[in-house]
Amino acid sequence: MKKRIIILAVLLVVASLFSIGRTFSKYVNKTNWDYSYNSKDFYFTSNYLTEEESTLIYNSWDGSDITFNISNALNSDTYTKENITYEVSCLSGDTTCKINGKSSVTSVLTGNTYSNEELKLTLGEFESNANVTVVARSIKPYKKTLQVTFDIKKETLINDINYTLKKYDNLSKLLINNNGNTEKCININILKSNIRVSKSTDMNNIKTNNDVIKSFEITLNSNENKTIDLYGNGITDEDVVVGFCD
């Protein structure tokens, strides 16, 4: 009789442990499923900042603030259910920078609705070019980092002549504008031998080296602008010198 009681007690303990194990397993599976589900529904996005390191060229900067946004959505109909607490900061070795007037900003995107917050990047003085990195980090409910480096170039102005270099892979476009009231003769010097210039009929006093154009002149009327195509990889502002004719 005593032996039967012991066996029954052991069986009851085993059954109890099995039941507890099943309950715990369901809890763990549900927890993992909820985490996976919620993580997939977590959106922390920006119009300029990305998860990968990237550089955005910002030509002809006129000194005004650069605006960008931080959002909790994939689109206006697909958004994060929870509130998102996040921080945005900036860093530059070329100039001072602030986000909404501060060194860093902490804010909250409201959950369960489409939230899109606009922020402003303000820069201090610099000579002609500055690299500024902006980083946004979500703090909760999940951690995610977005960033971008702005490669910022000032508008260049020489006695009513302003110009900028826009880059597209192996093609760059030199944009020159005469904002003055009189006709101007402009001289362009190409410093790198691997740059090819698209020749046009309005070029004068062309100088070449081994049939490669090294310098030329163009004439701009008042309020006239012209675009010059330059071909080559890695063309920088330092490779092209713009000035007035001798």
C-alpha atoms as a PDB file:
ATOM      1  CA  MET A   1       0.000   0.000   0.000  1.00  0.00           C
ATOM      2  CA  LYS A   2       2.781   2.349   0.968  1.00  0.00           C
ATOM      3  CA  LYS A   3       4.585   1.543  -2.261  1.00  0.00           C
ATOM      4  CA  ARG A   4       1.480   2.446  -4.298  1.00  0.00           C
ATOM      5  CA  ILE A   5       1.209   5.811  -2.544  1.00  0.00           C
ATOM      6  CA  ILE A   6       4.846   6.609  -3.351  1.00  0.00           C
ATOM      7  CA  ILE A   7       4.380   5.691  -7.038  1.00  0.00           C
ATOM      8  CA  LEU A   8       1.196   7.811  -7.223  1.00  0.00           C
ATOM      9  CA  ALA A   9       2.989  10.777  -5.661  1.00  0.00           C
ATOM     10  CA  VAL A  10       5.838  10.480  -8.171  1.00  0.00           C
ATOM     11  CA  LEU A  11       3.386  10.361 -11.063  1.00  0.00           C
ATOM     12  CA  LEU A  12       1.607  13.469  -9.761  1.00  0.00           C
ATOM     13  CA  VAL A  13       4.925  15.350  -9.506  1.00  0.00           C
ATOM     14  CA  VAL A  14       5.894  14.344 -13.062  1.00  0.00           C
ATOM     15  CA  ALA A  15       2.494  15.426 -14.402  1.00  0.00           C
ATOM     16  CA  SER A  16       2.782  18.738 -12.562  1.00  0.00           C
ATOM     17  CA  LEU A  17       6.271  19.406 -13.943  1.00  0.00           C
ATOM     18  CA  PHE A  18       5.083  18.571 -17.467  1.00  0.00           C
ATOM     19  CA  SER A  19       2.175  20.988 -17.127  1.00  0.00           C
ATOM     20  CA  ILE A  20       4.457  23.740 -15.808  1.00  0.00           C
ATOM     21  CA  GLY A  21       6.897  23.065 -18.641  1.00  0.00           C
ATOM     22  CA  ARG A  22       4.172  23.411 -21.249  1.00  0.00           C
ATOM     23  CA  THR A  23       2.927  26.648 -19.673  1.00  0.00           C
ATOM     24  CA  PHE A  24       6.470  28.121 -19.539  1.00  0.00           C
ATOM     25  CA  SER A  25       7.113  27.027 -23.115  1.00  0.00           C
ATOM     26  CA  LYS A  26       3.948  28.789 -24.260  1.00  0.00           C
ATOM     27  CA  TYR A  27       5.022  31.933 -22.371  1.00  0.00           C
ATOM     28  CA  VAL A  28       8.490  31.917 -23.942  1.00  0.00           C
ATOM     29  CA  ASN A  29       7.093  31.279 -27.412  1.00  0.00           C
ATOM     30  CA  LYS A  30       4.505  34.029 -26.991  1.00  0.00           C
ATOM     31  CA  THR A  31       7.167  36.439 -25.688  1.00  0.00           C
ATOM     32  CA  ASN A  32       9.459  35.693 -28.632  1.00  0.00           C
ATOM     33  CA  TRP A  33       6.577  36.021 -31.074  1.00  0.00           C
ATOM     34  CA  ASP A  34       5.475  39.324 -29.565  1.00  0.00           C
ATOM     35  CA  TYR A  35       9.044  40.685 -29.705  1.00  0.00           C
ATOM     36  CA  SER A  36       9.461  39.583 -33.310  1.00  0.00           C
ATOM     37  CA  TYR A  37       6.071  40.972 -34.256  1.00  0.00           C
ATOM     38  CA  ASN A  38       6.678  44.309 -32.543  1.00  0.00           C
ATOM     39  CA  SER A  39      10.209  44.614 -33.946  1.00  0.00           C
ATOM     40  CA  LYS A  40       8.931  44.110 -37.470  1.00  0.00           C
ATOM     41  CA  ASP A  41       6.348  46.821 -36.888  1.00  0.00           C
ATOM     42  CA  PHE A  42       8.963  49.285 -35.596  1.00  0.00           C
ATOM     43  CA  TYR A  43       9.637  52.138 -38.051  1.00  0.00           C
ATOM     44  CA  PHE A  44      12.245  54.827 -37.428  1.00  0.00           C
ATOM     45  CA  THR A  45      12.952  56.622 -40.696  1.00  0.00           C
ATOM     46  CA  SER A  46      14.180  59.875 -42.255  1.00  0.00           C
ATOM     47  CA  ASN A  47      14.160  61.608 -45.618  1.00  0.00           C
ATOM     48  CA  TYR A  48      17.982  62.025 -45.548  1.00  0.00           C
ATOM     49  CA  LEU A  49      19.384  59.829 -42.755  1.00  0.00           C
ATOM     50  CA  THR A  50      19.815  56.085 -43.374  1.00  0.00           C
ATOM     51  CA  GLU A  51      20.987  52.961 -41.517  1.00  0.00           C
ATOM     52  CA  GLU A  52      24.037  52.736 -43.787  1.00  0.00           C
ATOM     53  CA  GLU A  53      26.811  55.342 -43.775  1.00  0.00           C
ATOM     54  CA  SER A  54      26.083  57.763 -46.605  1.00  0.00           C
ATOM     55  CA  THR A  55      27.186  61.172 -47.905  1.00  0.00           C
ATOM     56  CA  LEU A  56      24.858  63.804 -49.321  1.00  0.00           C
ATOM     57  CA  ILE A  57      26.440  66.555 -51.427  1.00  0.00           C
ATOM     58  CA  TYR A  58      24.839  69.924 -50.696  1.00  0.00           C
ATOM     59  CA  ASN A  59      25.960  72.422 -53.337  1.00  0.00           C
ATOM     60  CA  SER A  60      25.492  76.197 -53.397  1.00  0.00           C
ATOM     61  CA  TRP A  61      24.758  76.533 -49.679  1.00  0.00           C
ATOM     62  CA  ASP A  62      23.558  80.081 -49.023  1.00  0.00           C
ATOM     63  CA  GLY A  63      23.939  80.080 -45.227  1.00  0.00           C
ATOM     64  CA  SER A  64      20.383  79.047 -44.375  1.00  0.00           C
ATOM     65  CA  ASP A  65      19.391  76.117 -42.142  1.00  0.00           C
ATOM     66  CA  ILE A  66      19.247  72.635 -43.663  1.00  0.00           C
ATOM     67  CA  THR A  67      15.975  70.899 -42.821  1.00  0.00           C
ATOM     68  CA  PHE A  68      15.428  67.143 -42.483  1.00  0.00           C
ATOM     69  CA  ASN A  69      12.781  64.968 -40.881  1.00  0.00           C
ATOM     70  CA  ILE A  70      12.505  62.029 -38.502  1.00  0.00           C
ATOM     71  CA  SER A  71       9.432  59.807 -38.733  1.00  0.00           C
ATOM     72  CA  ASN A  72       7.836  56.777 -37.068  1.00  0.00           C
ATOM     73  CA  ALA A  73       6.418  55.478 -40.338  1.00  0.00           C
ATOM     74  CA  LEU A  74       7.150  53.542 -43.480  1.00  0.00           C
ATOM     75  CA  ASN A  75       4.448  55.632 -45.177  1.00  0.00           C
ATOM     76  CA  SER A  76       1.372  57.607 -44.098  1.00  0.00           C
ATOM     77  CA  ASP A  77      -0.605  54.386 -43.572  1.00  0.00           C
ATOM     78  CA  THR A  78       2.086  52.213 -41.950  1.00  0.00           C
ATOM     79  CA  TYR A  79       3.434  53.489 -38.625  1.00  0.00           C
ATOM     80  CA  THR A  80       4.776  52.366 -35.251  1.00  0.00           C
ATOM     81  CA  LYS A  81       2.173  51.683 -32.546  1.00  0.00           C
ATOM     82  CA  GLU A  82       4.361  52.687 -29.589  1.00  0.00           C
ATOM     83  CA  ASN A  83       5.809  56.126 -28.779  1.00  0.00           C
ATOM     84  CA  ILE A  84       9.438  56.439 -29.932  1.00  0.00           C
ATOM     85  CA  THR A  85      11.913  58.373 -27.792  1.00  0.00           C
ATOM     86  CA  TYR A  86      14.911  59.474 -29.833  1.00  0.00           C
ATOM     87  CA  GLU A  87      17.974  61.743 -29.793  1.00  0.00           C
ATOM     88  CA  VAL A  88      19.572  63.700 -32.664  1.00  0.00           C
ATOM     89  CA  SER A  89      23.067  65.216 -32.598  1.00  0.00           C
ATOM     90  CA  CYS A  90      25.632  66.553 -35.082  1.00  0.00           C
ATOM     91  CA  LEU A  91      29.427  66.595 -35.352  1.00  0.00           C
ATOM     92  CA  SER A  92      31.867  68.463 -37.613  1.00  0.00           C
ATOM     93  CA  GLY A  93      35.584  69.136 -37.684  1.00  0.00           C
ATOM     94  CA  ASP A  94      35.099  72.039 -40.101  1.00  0.00           C
ATOM     95  CA  THR A  95      32.487  74.227 -38.396  1.00  0.00           C
ATOM     96  CA  THR A  96      30.092  74.449 -35.458  1.00  0.00           C
ATOM     97  CA  CYS A  97      26.689  72.798 -35.798  1.00  0.00           C
ATOM     98  CA  LYS A  98      23.428  72.692 -33.865  1.00  0.00           C
ATOM     99  CA  ILE A  99      20.138  70.829 -34.100  1.00  0.00           C
ATOM    100  CA  ASN A 100      17.177  73.138 -33.478  1.00  0.00           C
ATOM    101  CA  GLY A 101      19.580  75.545 -31.803  1.00  0.00           C
ATOM    102  CA  LYS A 102      21.102  72.952 -29.437  1.00  0.00           C
ATOM    103  CA  SER A 103      24.069  70.584 -29.462  1.00  0.00           C
ATOM    104  CA  SER A 104      21.607  67.662 -29.300  1.00  0.00           C
ATOM    105  CA  VAL A 105      17.839  67.228 -29.168  1.00  0.00           C
ATOM    106  CA  THR A 106      15.739  64.559 -27.431  1.00  0.00           C
ATOM    107  CA  SER A 107      12.127  64.209 -28.521  1.00  0.00           C
ATOM    108  CA  VAL A 108       9.206  61.754 -28.824  1.00  0.00           C
ATOM    109  CA  LEU A 109       7.318  60.589 -31.899  1.00  0.00           C
ATOM    110  CA  THR A 110       3.687  59.867 -30.974  1.00  0.00           C
ATOM    111  CA  GLY A 111       2.717  56.244 -31.572  1.00  0.00           C
ATOM    112  CA  ASN A 112      -0.359  54.714 -33.210  1.00  0.00           C
ATOM    113  CA  THR A 113      -0.523  57.601 -35.701  1.00  0.00           C
ATOM    114  CA  TYR A 114       1.636  59.018 -38.496  1.00  0.00           C
ATOM    115  CA  SER A 115       4.311  61.225 -36.853  1.00  0.00           C
ATOM    116  CA  ASN A 116       6.827  63.227 -38.844  1.00  0.00           C
ATOM    117  CA  GLU A 117       9.002  65.796 -37.074  1.00  0.00           C
ATOM    118  CA  GLU A 118      11.033  68.419 -38.967  1.00  0.00           C
ATOM    119  CA  LEU A 119      14.409  69.451 -37.550  1.00  0.00           C
ATOM    120  CA  LYS A 120      16.860  72.170 -38.528  1.00  0.00           C
ATOM    121  CA  LEU A 121      20.635  71.890 -38.865  1.00  0.00           C
ATOM    122  CA  THR A 122      22.348  75.251 -38.277  1.00  0.00           C
ATOM    123  CA  LEU A 123      25.990  75.747 -39.255  1.00  0.00           C
ATOM    124  CA  GLY A 124      28.619  78.241 -38.154  1.00  0.00           C
ATOM    125  CA  GLU A 125      31.212  79.927 -40.340  1.00  0.00           C
ATOM    126  CA  PHE A 126      33.562  77.989 -42.628  1.00  0.00           C
ATOM    127  CA  GLU A 127      35.700  78.919 -45.634  1.00  0.00           C
ATOM    128  CA  SER A 128      34.252  77.028 -48.596  1.00  0.00           C
ATOM    129  CA  ASN A 129      33.533  73.390 -47.718  1.00  0.00           C
ATOM    130  CA  ALA A 130      32.412  71.555 -44.569  1.00  0.00           C
ATOM    131  CA  ASN A 131      31.502  67.971 -43.706  1.00  0.00           C
ATOM    132  CA  VAL A 132      28.814  67.631 -41.037  1.00  0.00           C
ATOM    133  CA  THR A 133      27.568  64.282 -39.724  1.00  0.00           C
ATOM    134  CA  VAL A 134      24.050  64.071 -38.282  1.00  0.00           C
ATOM    135  CA  VAL A 135      23.125  61.038 -36.152  1.00  0.00           C
ATOM    136  CA  ALA A 136      19.647  60.074 -34.904  1.00  0.00           C
ATOM    137  CA  ARG A 137      19.270  57.274 -32.317  1.00  0.00           C
ATOM    138  CA  SER A 138      16.010  55.798 -31.107  1.00  0.00           C
ATOM    139  CA  ILE A 139      16.199  55.096 -27.351  1.00  0.00           C
ATOM    140  CA  LYS A 140      12.969  53.127 -26.791  1.00  0.00           C
ATOM    141  CA  PRO A 141      11.062  50.924 -27.374  1.00  0.00           C
ATOM    142  CA  TYR A 142      13.840  49.609 -29.674  1.00  0.00           C
ATOM    143  CA  LYS A 143      17.291  50.885 -30.563  1.00  0.00           C
ATOM    144  CA  LYS A 144      18.108  51.953 -34.105  1.00  0.00           C
ATOM    145  CA  THR A 145      20.648  54.411 -35.549  1.00  0.00           C
ATOM    146  CA  LEU A 146      20.272  56.613 -38.636  1.00  0.00           C
ATOM    147  CA  GLN A 147      22.960  58.928 -40.001  1.00  0.00           C
ATOM    148  CA  VAL A 148      24.182  61.003 -42.911  1.00  0.00           C
ATOM    149  CA  THR A 149      27.214  63.174 -43.656  1.00  0.00           C
ATOM    150  CA  PHE A 150      26.394  66.434 -45.419  1.00  0.00           C
ATOM    151  CA  ASP A 151      29.181  67.511 -47.795  1.00  0.00           C
ATOM    152  CA  ILE A 152      28.343  71.228 -47.877  1.00  0.00           C
ATOM    153  CA  LYS A 153      29.767  73.702 -50.377  1.00  0.00           C
ATOM    154  CA  LYS A 154      29.173  77.436 -50.215  1.00  0.00           C
ATOM    155  CA  GLU A 155      27.986  79.512 -53.120  1.00  0.00           C
ATOM    156  CA  THR A 156      31.043  81.049 -54.750  1.00  0.00           C
ATOM    157  CA  LEU A 157      30.672  84.705 -55.727  1.00  0.00           C
ATOM    158  CA  ILE A 158      33.180  86.785 -57.681  1.00  0.00           C
ATOM    159  CA  ASN A 159      31.928  90.284 -58.498  1.00  0.00           C
ATOM    160  CA  ASP A 160      28.380  89.198 -59.410  1.00  0.00           C
ATOM    161  CA  ILE A 161      29.561  85.865 -60.856  1.00  0.00           C
ATOM    162  CA  ASN A 162      28.573  82.790 -58.859  1.00  0.00           C
ATOM    163  CA  TYR A 163      29.348  79.207 -59.796  1.00  0.00           C
ATOM    164  CA  THR A 164      28.996  75.704 -58.419  1.00  0.00           C
ATOM    165  CA  LEU A 165      30.008  72.183 -59.404  1.00  0.00           C
ATOM    166  CA  LYS A 166      27.314  69.482 -59.366  1.00  0.00           C
ATOM    167  CA  LYS A 167      28.471  65.851 -59.517  1.00  0.00           C
ATOM    168  CA  TYR A 168      26.721  62.858 -61.071  1.00  0.00           C
ATOM    169  CA  ASP A 169      28.950  59.730 -61.104  1.00  0.00           C
ATOM    170  CA  ASN A 170      31.507  60.317 -63.923  1.00  0.00           C
ATOM    171  CA  LEU A 171      29.775  63.512 -65.104  1.00  0.00           C
ATOM    172  CA  SER A 172      30.017  66.903 -63.397  1.00  0.00           C
ATOM    173  CA  LYS A 173      28.240  70.094 -64.401  1.00  0.00           C
ATOM    174  CA  LEU A 174      29.849  73.489 -63.865  1.00  0.00           C
ATOM    175  CA  LEU A 175      27.059  76.048 -63.451  1.00  0.00           C
ATOM    176  CA  ILE A 176      28.064  79.695 -63.940  1.00  0.00           C
ATOM    177  CA  ASN A 177      25.743  82.698 -63.471  1.00  0.00           C
ATOM    178  CA  ASN A 178      26.275  86.386 -64.205  1.00  0.00           C
ATOM    179  CA  ASN A 179      24.104  88.268 -61.705  1.00  0.00           C
ATOM    180  CA  GLY A 180      25.536  91.639 -62.660  1.00  0.00           C
ATOM    181  CA  ASN A 181      24.269  94.368 -64.951  1.00  0.00           C
ATOM    182  CA  THR A 182      27.121  94.182 -67.468  1.00  0.00           C
ATOM    183  CA  GLU A 183      28.656  91.575 -69.781  1.00  0.00           C
ATOM    184  CA  LYS A 184      31.448  89.464 -68.243  1.00  0.00           C
ATOM    185  CA  CYS A 185      34.276  87.428 -69.786  1.00  0.00           C
ATOM    186  CA  ILE A 186      34.972  84.304 -67.697  1.00  0.00           C
ATOM    187  CA  ASN A 187      38.125  82.179 -67.832  1.00  0.00           C
ATOM    188  CA  ILE A 188      37.963  78.483 -66.795  1.00  0.00           C
ATOM    189  CA  ASN A 189      41.122  76.469 -66.057  1.00  0.00           C
ATOM    190  CA  ILE A 190      41.060  72.665 -65.747  1.00  0.00           C
ATOM    191  CA  LEU A 191      43.852  71.483 -63.460  1.00  0.00           C
ATOM    192  CA  LYS A 192      43.578  67.679 -63.773  1.00  0.00           C
ATOM    193  CA  SER A 193      44.669  65.911 -66.962  1.00  0.00           C
ATOM    194  CA  ASN A 194      41.982  63.179 -66.701  1.00  0.00           C
ATOM    195  CA  ILE A 195      39.098  65.685 -66.982  1.00  0.00           C
ATOM    196  CA  ARG A 196      37.477  66.036 -70.392  1.00  0.00           C
ATOM    197  CA  VAL A 197      35.455  69.122 -71.312  1.00  0.00           C
ATOM    198  CA  SER A 198      32.425  69.016 -73.586  1.00  0.00           C
ATOM    199  CA  LYS A 199      33.375  71.521 -76.266  1.00  0.00           C
ATOM    200  CA  SER A 200      30.809  74.076 -77.446  1.00  0.00           C
ATOM    201  CA  THR A 201      30.699  76.895 -80.001  1.00  0.00           C
ATOM    202  CA  ASP A 202      30.548  79.625 -77.343  1.00  0.00           C
ATOM    203  CA  MET A 203      34.041  78.779 -76.043  1.00  0.00           C
ATOM    204  CA  ASN A 204      36.826  81.203 -76.950  1.00  0.00           C
ATOM    205  CA  ASN A 205      40.616  81.265 -76.604  1.00  0.00           C
ATOM    206  CA  ILE A 206      40.772  77.513 -76.072  1.00  0.00           C
ATOM    207  CA  LYS A 207      44.140  76.139 -74.915  1.00  0.00           C
ATOM    208  CA  THR A 208      44.938  72.424 -75.108  1.00  0.00           C
ATOM    209  CA  ASN A 209      47.624  69.929 -74.128  1.00  0.00           C
ATOM    210  CA  ASN A 210      47.779  66.779 -76.296  1.00  0.00           C
ATOM    211  CA  ASP A 211      44.334  67.667 -77.648  1.00  0.00           C
ATOM    212  CA  VAL A 212      42.896  67.866 -74.113  1.00  0.00           C
ATOM    213  CA  ILE A 213      41.297  71.217 -73.252  1.00  0.00           C
ATOM    214  CA  LYS A 214      43.151  72.868 -70.379  1.00  0.00           C
ATOM    215  CA  SER A 215      41.532  76.322 -70.365  1.00  0.00           C
ATOM    216  CA  PHE A 216      38.962  78.399 -72.243  1.00  0.00           C
ATOM    217  CA  GLU A 217      36.872  81.543 -72.018  1.00  0.00           C
ATOM    218  CA  ILE A 218      33.144  82.195 -72.210  1.00  0.00           C
ATOM    219  CA  THR A 219      31.170  85.445 -72.304  1.00  0.00           C
ATOM    220  CA  LEU A 220      28.075  85.892 -70.168  1.00  0.00           C
ATOM    221  CA  ASN A 221      25.553  88.651 -70.704  1.00  0.00           C
ATOM    222  CA  SER A 222      23.801  90.304 -67.776  1.00  0.00           C
ATOM    223  CA  ASN A 223      21.694  87.740 -65.820  1.00  0.00           C
ATOM    224  CA  GLU A 224      22.812  84.953 -68.151  1.00  0.00           C
ATOM    225  CA  ASN A 225      23.861  81.478 -66.991  1.00  0.00           C
ATOM    226  CA  LYS A 226      25.660  78.603 -68.704  1.00  0.00           C
ATOM    227  CA  THR A 227      26.331  74.947 -67.940  1.00  0.00           C
ATOM    228  CA  ILE A 228      29.600  73.226 -68.872  1.00  0.00           C
ATOM    229  CA  ASP A 229      29.818  69.421 -68.846  1.00  0.00           C
ATOM    230  CA  LEU A 230      32.979  67.876 -67.386  1.00  0.00           C
ATOM    231  CA  TYR A 231      33.705  64.154 -67.682  1.00  0.00           C
ATOM    232  CA  GLY A 232      35.895  62.210 -65.251  1.00  0.00           C
ATOM    233  CA  ASN A 233      35.783  60.425 -61.913  1.00  0.00           C
ATOM    234  CA  GLY A 234      36.362  62.180 -58.597  1.00  0.00           C
ATOM    235  CA  ILE A 235      36.236  65.768 -59.876  1.00  0.00           C
ATOM    236  CA  THR A 236      36.418  68.279 -57.014  1.00  0.00           C
ATOM    237  CA  ASP A 237      36.014  72.050 -56.731  1.00  0.00           C
ATOM    238  CA  GLU A 238      39.794  72.373 -56.459  1.00  0.00           C
ATOM    239  CA  ASP A 239      40.216  70.833 -59.932  1.00  0.00           C
ATOM    240  CA  VAL A 240      38.437  73.731 -61.679  1.00  0.00           C
ATOM    241  CA  VAL A 241      39.494  77.379 -61.367  1.00  0.00           C
ATOM    242  CA  VAL A 242      37.018  80.094 -62.397  1.00  0.00           C
ATOM    243  CA  GLY A 243      38.091  83.702 -62.819  1.00  0.00           C
ATOM    244  CA  PHE A 244      37.869  86.704 -65.076  1.00  0.00           C
ATOM    245  CA  CYS A 245      39.647  86.941 -68.431  1.00  0.00           C
ATOM    246  CA  ASP A 246      42.989  88.749 -68.518  1.00  0.00           C
END
